[in-house]
């Protein structure tokens, strides 16, 4: 029974950890930019049109960005200070865990119970998941130069439930924009 616990407890912990993984965020920015000058934004249609995702997901992402920008005091404008663009990347990730030998329940004679343990070979356990990245670019509208970029990377579940999909998209956008403006600027 101890052998079973040694196998199942770590396996369950790994399953729980991978199902609750949040978004990993990395940002980059132009150190010479005064981010306090930016008060308005508009979406950069040319960049957004190139994003290789469905139009429905684009709408969900843009809606989430609108909500985040509004909560930070930004106003959508015809003559904006910032242009917001997005692009995405995704890849299939395959994880292989090698379980060489273990015990299981099955038919046979074993101490202390009839039909107790039997030893056996368990081959490698293979699982796959889609991992995606959402990039949010903030471009100085006057100079047409990238001034800030945030990338959120995490596991994408193929949600059949639209509400869950929208929540995951909001989580990606919220986690990325939580890093704007850069800390060095925000503390001034």
N, C-alpha and C. Protein backbone atom coordinates (compact mmCIF):
# COMPACT_ATOMS: atom_id res chain seq x y z
N UNK A 1 0.82 -1.19 0.00
CA UNK A 1 0.00 0.00 0.00
C UNK A 1 0.87 1.26 0.00
N UNK A 2 2.02 1.19 0.68
CA UNK A 2 2.92 2.34 0.71
C UNK A 2 3.43 2.66 -0.68
N UNK A 3 3.66 1.61 -1.50
CA UNK A 3 4.12 1.85 -2.87
C UNK A 3 3.07 2.59 -3.67
N UNK A 4 1.82 2.24 -3.44
CA UNK A 4 0.74 2.95 -4.13
C UNK A 4 0.72 4.41 -3.76
N UNK A 5 0.86 4.70 -2.48
CA UNK A 5 0.86 6.09 -2.02
C UNK A 5 2.03 6.85 -2.60
N UNK A 6 3.19 6.17 -2.69
CA UNK A 6 4.37 6.83 -3.25
C UNK A 6 4.16 7.23 -4.70
N UNK A 7 3.37 6.47 -5.41
CA UNK A 7 3.11 6.79 -6.81
C UNK A 7 1.95 7.77 -6.97
N UNK A 8 0.81 7.47 -6.34
CA UNK A 8 -0.39 8.26 -6.58
C UNK A 8 -0.35 9.66 -5.99
N UNK A 9 0.22 9.83 -4.82
CA UNK A 9 0.24 11.17 -4.22
C UNK A 9 1.03 12.16 -5.07
N UNK A 10 2.27 11.83 -5.51
CA UNK A 10 2.97 12.78 -6.38
C UNK A 10 2.26 12.99 -7.71
N UNK A 11 1.67 11.92 -8.26
CA UNK A 11 0.95 12.06 -9.53
C UNK A 11 -0.24 12.99 -9.38
N UNK A 12 -0.98 12.86 -8.29
CA UNK A 12 -2.13 13.74 -8.06
C UNK A 12 -1.68 15.18 -7.83
N UNK A 13 -0.59 15.36 -7.09
CA UNK A 13 -0.08 16.71 -6.85
C UNK A 13 0.34 17.36 -8.16
N UNK A 14 0.98 16.60 -9.04
CA UNK A 14 1.40 17.12 -10.34
C UNK A 14 0.18 17.50 -11.17
N UNK A 15 -0.83 16.67 -11.16
CA UNK A 15 -2.05 16.95 -11.90
C UNK A 15 -2.72 18.23 -11.39
N UNK A 16 -2.79 18.39 -10.10
CA UNK A 16 -3.40 19.59 -9.52
C UNK A 16 -2.59 20.83 -9.86
N UNK A 17 -1.26 20.73 -9.76
CA UNK A 17 -0.42 21.89 -10.05
C UNK A 17 -0.53 22.31 -11.50
N UNK A 18 -0.54 21.36 -12.44
CA UNK A 18 -0.60 21.73 -13.85
C UNK A 18 -1.97 22.25 -14.24
N UNK A 19 -3.02 21.84 -13.53
CA UNK A 19 -4.35 22.34 -13.88
C UNK A 19 -4.58 23.75 -13.35
N UNK A 20 -3.80 24.18 -12.36
CA UNK A 20 -3.99 25.49 -11.76
C UNK A 20 -2.88 26.47 -12.12
N UNK A 21 -2.09 26.15 -13.11
CA UNK A 21 -0.97 27.01 -13.47
C UNK A 21 -1.52 28.33 -13.99
N UNK A 22 -1.00 29.41 -13.44
CA UNK A 22 -1.45 30.71 -13.89
C UNK A 22 -0.64 31.16 -15.10
N UNK A 23 -0.84 32.38 -15.48
CA UNK A 23 -0.17 32.94 -16.64
C UNK A 23 1.21 33.44 -16.22
N UNK A 24 2.23 33.05 -16.97
CA UNK A 24 3.59 33.55 -16.73
C UNK A 24 3.79 34.78 -17.61
N UNK A 25 4.19 35.88 -17.00
CA UNK A 25 4.27 37.15 -17.73
C UNK A 25 5.71 37.65 -17.78
N UNK A 26 6.09 38.14 -18.96
CA UNK A 26 7.38 38.78 -19.18
C UNK A 26 7.08 40.09 -19.91
N UNK A 27 7.75 41.17 -19.50
CA UNK A 27 7.54 42.45 -20.17
C UNK A 27 8.87 43.05 -20.58
N UNK A 28 8.79 43.96 -21.52
CA UNK A 28 9.95 44.72 -21.98
C UNK A 28 9.45 46.12 -22.32
N UNK A 29 10.31 47.10 -22.17
CA UNK A 29 9.89 48.47 -22.46
C UNK A 29 11.07 49.35 -22.80
N UNK A 30 10.76 50.49 -23.40
CA UNK A 30 11.76 51.50 -23.75
C UNK A 30 12.01 52.36 -22.52
N UNK A 31 13.22 52.31 -22.00
CA UNK A 31 13.56 53.03 -20.76
C UNK A 31 13.49 54.55 -20.91
N UNK A 32 13.56 55.05 -22.13
CA UNK A 32 13.53 56.49 -22.36
C UNK A 32 12.11 57.05 -22.49
N UNK A 33 11.12 56.21 -22.35
CA UNK A 33 9.74 56.64 -22.52
C UNK A 33 9.15 57.12 -21.20
N UNK A 34 8.41 58.23 -21.27
CA UNK A 34 7.69 58.73 -20.11
C UNK A 34 6.26 58.20 -20.21
N UNK A 35 5.99 57.13 -19.50
CA UNK A 35 4.69 56.46 -19.58
C UNK A 35 3.57 57.28 -18.94
N UNK A 36 3.91 58.26 -18.12
CA UNK A 36 2.91 59.11 -17.49
C UNK A 36 2.21 60.03 -18.49
N UNK A 37 2.79 60.21 -19.67
CA UNK A 37 2.19 61.08 -20.70
C UNK A 37 1.03 60.42 -21.43
N UNK A 38 0.91 59.12 -21.35
CA UNK A 38 -0.10 58.40 -22.10
C UNK A 38 -1.42 58.37 -21.33
N UNK A 39 -2.48 58.86 -21.99
CA UNK A 39 -3.81 58.92 -21.36
C UNK A 39 -4.90 58.28 -22.22
N UNK A 40 -4.64 58.13 -23.52
CA UNK A 40 -5.66 57.61 -24.42
C UNK A 40 -5.08 56.51 -25.30
N UNK A 41 -5.96 55.71 -25.88
CA UNK A 41 -5.52 54.59 -26.72
C UNK A 41 -6.54 54.31 -27.81
N UNK A 42 -6.08 53.57 -28.79
CA UNK A 42 -6.94 53.01 -29.85
C UNK A 42 -6.32 51.69 -30.26
N UNK A 43 -7.12 50.83 -30.85
CA UNK A 43 -6.58 49.56 -31.31
C UNK A 43 -5.92 49.74 -32.67
N UNK A 44 -4.80 49.09 -32.86
CA UNK A 44 -4.03 49.14 -34.10
C UNK A 44 -4.53 48.03 -35.01
N UNK A 45 -5.50 48.37 -35.84
CA UNK A 45 -6.22 47.39 -36.65
C UNK A 45 -5.29 46.56 -37.54
N UNK A 46 -4.28 47.19 -38.14
CA UNK A 46 -3.36 46.48 -39.03
C UNK A 46 -2.66 45.33 -38.30
N UNK A 47 -2.20 45.59 -37.08
CA UNK A 47 -1.54 44.54 -36.30
C UNK A 47 -2.51 43.48 -35.82
N UNK A 48 -3.67 43.90 -35.38
CA UNK A 48 -4.67 42.96 -34.85
C UNK A 48 -5.18 42.03 -35.94
N UNK A 49 -5.34 42.56 -37.15
CA UNK A 49 -5.82 41.73 -38.26
C UNK A 49 -4.85 40.59 -38.58
N UNK A 50 -3.58 40.76 -38.26
CA UNK A 50 -2.57 39.73 -38.55
C UNK A 50 -2.54 38.62 -37.49
N UNK A 51 -3.17 38.85 -36.36
CA UNK A 51 -3.18 37.83 -35.29
C UNK A 51 -3.86 36.57 -35.80
N UNK A 52 -3.20 35.43 -35.61
CA UNK A 52 -3.69 34.16 -36.15
C UNK A 52 -4.57 33.44 -35.14
N UNK A 53 -5.71 34.04 -34.86
CA UNK A 53 -6.72 33.42 -34.00
C UNK A 53 -8.08 33.73 -34.59
N UNK A 54 -9.09 33.08 -34.08
CA UNK A 54 -10.43 33.30 -34.62
C UNK A 54 -10.90 34.73 -34.32
N UNK A 55 -11.78 35.22 -35.15
CA UNK A 55 -12.34 36.56 -34.94
C UNK A 55 -13.08 36.64 -33.61
N UNK A 56 -13.70 35.54 -33.20
CA UNK A 56 -14.41 35.54 -31.91
C UNK A 56 -13.43 35.72 -30.75
N UNK A 57 -12.30 35.01 -30.81
CA UNK A 57 -11.30 35.17 -29.75
C UNK A 57 -10.66 36.56 -29.79
N UNK A 58 -10.47 37.12 -30.98
CA UNK A 58 -9.95 38.49 -31.09
C UNK A 58 -10.90 39.45 -30.36
N UNK A 59 -12.19 39.29 -30.61
CA UNK A 59 -13.18 40.16 -29.95
C UNK A 59 -13.10 40.01 -28.44
N UNK A 60 -12.95 38.78 -27.97
CA UNK A 60 -12.87 38.54 -26.52
C UNK A 60 -11.63 39.20 -25.93
N UNK A 61 -10.50 39.09 -26.63
CA UNK A 61 -9.26 39.70 -26.16
C UNK A 61 -9.38 41.21 -26.14
N UNK A 62 -9.90 41.79 -27.21
CA UNK A 62 -10.03 43.25 -27.30
C UNK A 62 -10.99 43.78 -26.24
N UNK A 63 -12.06 43.05 -25.98
CA UNK A 63 -13.01 43.45 -24.94
C UNK A 63 -12.33 43.42 -23.57
N UNK A 64 -11.52 42.40 -23.31
CA UNK A 64 -10.79 42.32 -22.05
C UNK A 64 -9.77 43.44 -21.92
N UNK A 65 -9.10 43.78 -23.02
CA UNK A 65 -8.13 44.89 -23.00
C UNK A 65 -8.85 46.20 -22.74
N UNK A 66 -10.00 46.41 -23.39
CA UNK A 66 -10.80 47.63 -23.16
C UNK A 66 -11.15 47.78 -21.69
N UNK A 67 -11.59 46.70 -21.06
CA UNK A 67 -11.96 46.75 -19.65
C UNK A 67 -10.75 47.08 -18.78
N UNK A 68 -9.61 46.46 -19.05
CA UNK A 68 -8.40 46.72 -18.26
C UNK A 68 -7.90 48.15 -18.45
N UNK A 69 -7.88 48.61 -19.69
CA UNK A 69 -7.40 49.98 -19.96
C UNK A 69 -8.35 51.00 -19.30
N UNK A 70 -9.64 50.77 -19.38
CA UNK A 70 -10.61 51.65 -18.74
C UNK A 70 -10.44 51.69 -17.24
N UNK A 71 -10.15 50.54 -16.64
CA UNK A 71 -9.95 50.48 -15.18
C UNK A 71 -8.68 51.21 -14.75
N UNK A 72 -7.78 51.46 -15.68
CA UNK A 72 -6.53 52.18 -15.40
C UNK A 72 -6.62 53.66 -15.77
N UNK A 73 -7.83 54.11 -16.14
CA UNK A 73 -8.02 55.52 -16.44
C UNK A 73 -7.77 55.92 -17.88
N UNK A 74 -7.50 54.95 -18.76
CA UNK A 74 -7.28 55.27 -20.17
C UNK A 74 -8.62 55.46 -20.87
N UNK A 75 -8.64 56.34 -21.85
CA UNK A 75 -9.83 56.64 -22.63
C UNK A 75 -9.58 56.23 -24.07
N UNK A 76 -10.56 55.58 -24.67
CA UNK A 76 -10.47 55.23 -26.09
C UNK A 76 -10.67 56.50 -26.90
N UNK A 77 -9.82 56.70 -27.94
CA UNK A 77 -9.83 57.98 -28.64
C UNK A 77 -9.57 57.80 -30.14
N UNK A 78 -10.07 58.77 -30.93
CA UNK A 78 -9.79 58.82 -32.37
C UNK A 78 -8.38 59.34 -32.63
N UNK A 79 -7.84 60.13 -31.70
CA UNK A 79 -6.46 60.63 -31.80
C UNK A 79 -5.70 60.21 -30.53
N UNK A 80 -5.32 58.93 -30.46
CA UNK A 80 -4.78 58.36 -29.23
C UNK A 80 -3.30 58.67 -28.99
N UNK A 81 -2.89 58.49 -27.74
CA UNK A 81 -1.47 58.56 -27.38
C UNK A 81 -0.80 57.21 -27.67
N UNK A 82 -1.54 56.14 -27.45
CA UNK A 82 -1.03 54.78 -27.63
C UNK A 82 -1.87 54.00 -28.62
N UNK A 83 -1.22 53.16 -29.38
CA UNK A 83 -1.90 52.18 -30.22
C UNK A 83 -1.68 50.81 -29.57
N UNK A 84 -2.74 50.02 -29.48
CA UNK A 84 -2.66 48.70 -28.86
C UNK A 84 -2.77 47.65 -29.96
N UNK A 85 -1.80 46.74 -29.98
CA UNK A 85 -1.81 45.66 -30.95
C UNK A 85 -1.63 44.35 -30.19
N UNK A 86 -2.04 43.26 -30.81
CA UNK A 86 -1.88 41.94 -30.21
C UNK A 86 -1.36 40.96 -31.25
N UNK A 87 -0.71 39.92 -30.78
CA UNK A 87 -0.47 38.74 -31.61
C UNK A 87 -0.33 37.55 -30.70
N UNK A 88 -0.48 36.37 -31.28
CA UNK A 88 -0.51 35.15 -30.49
C UNK A 88 0.41 34.10 -31.09
N UNK A 89 0.83 33.18 -30.23
CA UNK A 89 1.57 31.99 -30.65
C UNK A 89 1.05 30.83 -29.82
N UNK A 90 1.04 29.67 -30.41
CA UNK A 90 0.67 28.49 -29.63
C UNK A 90 1.48 27.30 -30.10
N UNK A 91 1.68 26.37 -29.17
CA UNK A 91 2.40 25.15 -29.50
C UNK A 91 1.86 24.02 -28.65
N UNK A 92 1.97 22.83 -29.19
CA UNK A 92 1.55 21.64 -28.46
C UNK A 92 2.73 21.19 -27.60
N UNK A 93 2.47 20.96 -26.34
CA UNK A 93 3.52 20.53 -25.41
C UNK A 93 3.22 19.10 -24.99
N UNK A 94 4.23 18.24 -25.10
CA UNK A 94 4.08 16.84 -24.74
C UNK A 94 4.95 16.55 -23.52
N UNK A 95 4.36 16.00 -22.48
CA UNK A 95 5.07 15.63 -21.27
C UNK A 95 5.10 14.11 -21.17
N UNK A 96 6.28 13.56 -20.87
CA UNK A 96 6.43 12.12 -20.73
C UNK A 96 6.95 11.83 -19.32
N UNK A 97 6.23 11.02 -18.58
CA UNK A 97 6.63 10.60 -17.25
C UNK A 97 6.87 9.10 -17.32
N UNK A 98 8.02 8.65 -16.85
CA UNK A 98 8.36 7.24 -16.93
C UNK A 98 8.04 6.54 -15.62
N UNK A 99 7.11 5.64 -15.67
CA UNK A 99 6.72 4.82 -14.51
C UNK A 99 7.14 3.39 -14.82
N UNK A 100 8.33 3.01 -14.39
CA UNK A 100 8.87 1.71 -14.77
C UNK A 100 8.21 0.53 -14.09
N UNK A 101 7.92 0.64 -12.82
CA UNK A 101 7.42 -0.53 -12.12
C UNK A 101 6.50 -0.06 -11.01
N UNK A 102 5.45 -0.77 -10.80
CA UNK A 102 4.56 -0.37 -9.74
C UNK A 102 3.67 -1.52 -9.34
N UNK A 103 2.80 -1.25 -8.45
CA UNK A 103 1.84 -2.23 -7.99
C UNK A 103 0.45 -1.74 -8.32
N UNK A 104 -0.42 -2.67 -8.57
CA UNK A 104 -1.79 -2.29 -8.87
C UNK A 104 -2.74 -3.33 -8.32
N UNK A 105 -3.98 -3.07 -8.42
CA UNK A 105 -4.98 -4.03 -7.98
C UNK A 105 -5.38 -4.88 -9.18
N UNK A 106 -5.59 -6.14 -8.93
CA UNK A 106 -6.00 -7.01 -10.03
C UNK A 106 -6.25 -8.41 -9.53
N UNK A 107 -6.54 -9.30 -10.45
CA UNK A 107 -6.80 -10.68 -10.08
C UNK A 107 -5.51 -11.36 -9.70
N UNK A 108 -5.62 -12.29 -8.78
CA UNK A 108 -4.45 -13.08 -8.39
C UNK A 108 -4.41 -13.25 -6.89
N UNK A 109 -3.41 -13.97 -6.47
CA UNK A 109 -3.24 -14.23 -5.05
C UNK A 109 -2.15 -13.32 -4.53
N UNK A 110 -2.43 -12.68 -3.42
CA UNK A 110 -1.41 -11.83 -2.83
C UNK A 110 -1.68 -11.68 -1.36
N UNK A 111 -0.63 -11.51 -0.64
CA UNK A 111 -0.77 -11.34 0.80
C UNK A 111 -1.14 -9.90 1.06
N UNK A 112 -2.01 -9.54 1.90
CA UNK A 112 -2.77 -10.37 2.80
C UNK A 112 -4.14 -10.71 2.25
N UNK A 113 -4.49 -10.30 1.04
CA UNK A 113 -5.84 -10.49 0.56
C UNK A 113 -5.84 -11.32 -0.71
N UNK A 114 -6.94 -12.06 -0.91
CA UNK A 114 -7.14 -12.71 -2.18
C UNK A 114 -7.46 -11.62 -3.18
N UNK A 115 -6.92 -11.71 -4.35
CA UNK A 115 -7.16 -10.67 -5.36
C UNK A 115 -6.40 -9.41 -5.04
N UNK A 116 -5.36 -9.53 -4.25
CA UNK A 116 -4.60 -8.37 -3.76
C UNK A 116 -3.69 -7.77 -4.81
N UNK A 117 -2.48 -7.45 -4.41
CA UNK A 117 -1.55 -6.74 -5.28
C UNK A 117 -0.95 -7.65 -6.33
N UNK A 118 -0.63 -7.10 -7.42
CA UNK A 118 0.18 -7.80 -8.41
C UNK A 118 1.18 -6.78 -8.93
N UNK A 119 2.34 -7.24 -9.17
CA UNK A 119 3.38 -6.35 -9.69
C UNK A 119 3.27 -6.29 -11.19
N UNK A 120 3.71 -5.21 -11.75
CA UNK A 120 3.62 -5.13 -13.19
C UNK A 120 4.36 -3.92 -13.73
N UNK A 121 4.50 -3.90 -15.01
CA UNK A 121 5.19 -2.82 -15.70
C UNK A 121 4.15 -1.80 -16.16
N UNK A 122 4.41 -0.58 -15.84
CA UNK A 122 3.59 0.51 -16.38
C UNK A 122 4.50 1.30 -17.30
N UNK A 123 4.12 1.42 -18.50
CA UNK A 123 4.95 2.13 -19.47
C UNK A 123 4.92 3.63 -19.21
N UNK A 124 5.56 4.36 -20.06
CA UNK A 124 5.58 5.81 -19.87
C UNK A 124 4.18 6.41 -19.97
N UNK A 125 3.94 7.40 -19.16
CA UNK A 125 2.68 8.11 -19.16
C UNK A 125 2.88 9.36 -20.00
N UNK A 126 2.14 9.53 -21.06
CA UNK A 126 2.30 10.65 -21.98
C UNK A 126 1.05 11.51 -21.93
N UNK A 127 1.26 12.81 -21.78
CA UNK A 127 0.13 13.73 -21.84
C UNK A 127 0.52 14.92 -22.70
N UNK A 128 -0.46 15.54 -23.31
CA UNK A 128 -0.17 16.72 -24.13
C UNK A 128 -1.16 17.82 -23.78
N UNK A 129 -0.72 19.04 -24.01
CA UNK A 129 -1.57 20.19 -23.78
C UNK A 129 -1.12 21.30 -24.71
N UNK A 130 -2.01 22.23 -24.95
CA UNK A 130 -1.68 23.37 -25.78
C UNK A 130 -1.21 24.50 -24.88
N UNK A 131 -0.04 25.03 -25.22
CA UNK A 131 0.48 26.17 -24.48
C UNK A 131 0.49 27.35 -25.45
N UNK A 132 -0.01 28.46 -24.98
CA UNK A 132 -0.11 29.61 -25.85
C UNK A 132 0.50 30.85 -25.23
N UNK A 133 0.76 31.82 -26.09
CA UNK A 133 1.28 33.10 -25.65
C UNK A 133 0.46 34.21 -26.29
N UNK A 134 0.10 35.18 -25.49
CA UNK A 134 -0.58 36.37 -25.97
C UNK A 134 0.37 37.54 -25.76
N UNK A 135 0.65 38.26 -26.83
CA UNK A 135 1.50 39.45 -26.77
C UNK A 135 0.60 40.67 -26.87
N UNK A 136 0.82 41.64 -26.00
CA UNK A 136 0.13 42.93 -26.09
C UNK A 136 1.22 43.97 -26.30
N UNK A 137 1.14 44.66 -27.43
CA UNK A 137 2.11 45.71 -27.76
C UNK A 137 1.46 47.07 -27.59
N UNK A 138 2.18 47.97 -26.94
CA UNK A 138 1.75 49.36 -26.83
C UNK A 138 2.73 50.20 -27.65
N UNK A 139 2.17 50.91 -28.62
CA UNK A 139 2.95 51.66 -29.60
C UNK A 139 2.67 53.14 -29.42
N UNK A 140 3.73 53.95 -29.37
CA UNK A 140 3.56 55.40 -29.31
C UNK A 140 2.93 55.84 -30.62
N UNK A 141 1.73 56.43 -30.56
CA UNK A 141 0.98 56.77 -31.76
C UNK A 141 1.66 57.86 -32.59
N UNK A 142 2.32 58.78 -31.92
CA UNK A 142 2.98 59.88 -32.63
C UNK A 142 4.22 59.40 -33.37
N UNK A 143 5.07 58.63 -32.71
CA UNK A 143 6.34 58.19 -33.29
C UNK A 143 6.25 56.84 -34.00
N UNK A 144 5.12 56.14 -33.83
CA UNK A 144 4.92 54.79 -34.40
C UNK A 144 6.04 53.84 -33.96
N UNK A 145 6.42 53.94 -32.68
CA UNK A 145 7.46 53.07 -32.12
C UNK A 145 6.91 52.27 -30.95
N UNK A 146 7.32 51.01 -30.89
CA UNK A 146 6.93 50.15 -29.78
C UNK A 146 7.58 50.68 -28.50
N UNK A 147 6.76 50.92 -27.45
CA UNK A 147 7.30 51.43 -26.19
C UNK A 147 7.16 50.42 -25.05
N UNK A 148 6.23 49.47 -25.18
CA UNK A 148 6.02 48.46 -24.13
C UNK A 148 5.45 47.21 -24.77
N UNK A 149 5.94 46.06 -24.28
CA UNK A 149 5.40 44.79 -24.74
C UNK A 149 5.25 43.85 -23.55
N UNK A 150 4.09 43.23 -23.47
CA UNK A 150 3.85 42.22 -22.44
C UNK A 150 3.50 40.91 -23.10
N UNK A 151 4.07 39.83 -22.57
CA UNK A 151 3.76 38.50 -23.08
C UNK A 151 3.26 37.64 -21.93
N UNK A 152 2.08 37.08 -22.12
CA UNK A 152 1.54 36.14 -21.14
C UNK A 152 1.55 34.76 -21.75
N UNK A 153 2.11 33.81 -21.01
CA UNK A 153 2.21 32.45 -21.52
C UNK A 153 1.61 31.50 -20.51
N UNK A 154 0.85 30.56 -21.00
CA UNK A 154 0.23 29.60 -20.12
C UNK A 154 -0.49 28.52 -20.88
N UNK A 155 -1.04 27.60 -20.13
CA UNK A 155 -1.76 26.48 -20.71
C UNK A 155 -3.12 26.96 -21.20
N UNK A 156 -3.45 26.54 -22.40
CA UNK A 156 -4.76 26.86 -22.97
C UNK A 156 -5.59 25.59 -22.98
N UNK A 157 -6.71 25.66 -22.37
CA UNK A 157 -7.61 24.52 -22.41
C UNK A 157 -8.58 24.74 -23.55
N UNK A 158 -8.91 23.69 -24.24
CA UNK A 158 -9.89 23.79 -25.31
C UNK A 158 -11.28 23.75 -24.69
N UNK A 159 -11.68 24.90 -24.19
CA UNK A 159 -12.93 24.99 -23.46
C UNK A 159 -14.13 24.84 -24.40
N UNK A 160 -15.05 23.99 -24.02
CA UNK A 160 -16.33 23.92 -24.71
C UNK A 160 -17.27 24.95 -24.09
N UNK A 161 -17.02 25.30 -22.85
CA UNK A 161 -17.83 26.26 -22.11
C UNK A 161 -17.31 27.67 -22.41
N UNK A 162 -18.11 28.48 -23.05
CA UNK A 162 -17.70 29.82 -23.48
C UNK A 162 -17.34 30.70 -22.28
N UNK A 163 -18.08 30.58 -21.17
CA UNK A 163 -17.79 31.40 -19.99
C UNK A 163 -16.39 31.11 -19.46
N UNK A 164 -16.00 29.83 -19.44
CA UNK A 164 -14.66 29.47 -18.97
C UNK A 164 -13.59 30.00 -19.92
N UNK A 165 -13.87 29.95 -21.21
CA UNK A 165 -12.92 30.46 -22.20
C UNK A 165 -12.74 31.96 -22.01
N UNK A 166 -13.84 32.69 -21.83
CA UNK A 166 -13.76 34.13 -21.63
C UNK A 166 -13.01 34.47 -20.35
N UNK A 167 -13.22 33.69 -19.30
CA UNK A 167 -12.51 33.91 -18.04
C UNK A 167 -11.01 33.71 -18.21
N UNK A 168 -10.62 32.69 -18.97
CA UNK A 168 -9.19 32.44 -19.20
C UNK A 168 -8.57 33.58 -20.00
N UNK A 169 -9.28 34.09 -20.99
CA UNK A 169 -8.78 35.21 -21.78
C UNK A 169 -8.64 36.45 -20.89
N UNK A 170 -9.64 36.72 -20.05
CA UNK A 170 -9.56 37.86 -19.12
C UNK A 170 -8.36 37.71 -18.19
N UNK A 171 -8.13 36.47 -17.74
CA UNK A 171 -6.98 36.22 -16.84
C UNK A 171 -5.67 36.54 -17.55
N UNK A 172 -5.51 36.09 -18.80
CA UNK A 172 -4.31 36.40 -19.57
C UNK A 172 -4.11 37.91 -19.66
N UNK A 173 -5.14 38.62 -20.11
CA UNK A 173 -5.03 40.07 -20.31
C UNK A 173 -4.75 40.79 -19.00
N UNK A 174 -5.46 40.44 -17.96
CA UNK A 174 -5.29 41.07 -16.66
C UNK A 174 -3.87 40.88 -16.11
N UNK A 175 -3.36 39.65 -16.21
CA UNK A 175 -2.01 39.37 -15.71
C UNK A 175 -0.95 40.13 -16.50
N UNK A 176 -1.14 40.24 -17.81
CA UNK A 176 -0.17 40.97 -18.64
C UNK A 176 -0.19 42.45 -18.30
N UNK A 177 -1.38 43.05 -18.32
CA UNK A 177 -1.48 44.50 -18.10
C UNK A 177 -1.25 44.90 -16.64
N UNK A 178 -1.22 43.95 -15.74
CA UNK A 178 -0.86 44.25 -14.35
C UNK A 178 0.59 44.74 -14.27
N UNK A 179 1.38 44.43 -15.29
CA UNK A 179 2.80 44.84 -15.32
C UNK A 179 2.99 46.20 -16.00
N UNK A 180 1.89 46.87 -16.38
CA UNK A 180 1.98 48.19 -17.01
C UNK A 180 1.42 49.23 -16.06
N UNK A 181 2.06 50.37 -15.91
CA UNK A 181 3.36 50.76 -16.47
C UNK A 181 4.49 50.03 -15.75
N UNK A 182 5.68 50.06 -16.33
CA UNK A 182 6.81 49.38 -15.69
C UNK A 182 7.01 49.86 -14.26
N UNK A 183 7.45 48.95 -13.38
CA UNK A 183 7.61 49.28 -11.96
C UNK A 183 8.50 50.48 -11.71
N UNK A 184 9.59 50.58 -12.46
CA UNK A 184 10.52 51.70 -12.24
C UNK A 184 9.82 53.03 -12.49
N UNK A 185 8.92 53.05 -13.46
CA UNK A 185 8.18 54.28 -13.79
C UNK A 185 7.06 54.50 -12.79
N UNK A 186 6.35 53.42 -12.45
CA UNK A 186 5.19 53.53 -11.56
C UNK A 186 5.57 54.04 -10.18
N UNK A 187 6.78 53.75 -9.72
CA UNK A 187 7.18 54.17 -8.39
C UNK A 187 7.64 55.62 -8.33
N UNK A 188 7.81 56.28 -9.48
CA UNK A 188 8.22 57.70 -9.50
C UNK A 188 7.09 58.62 -9.16
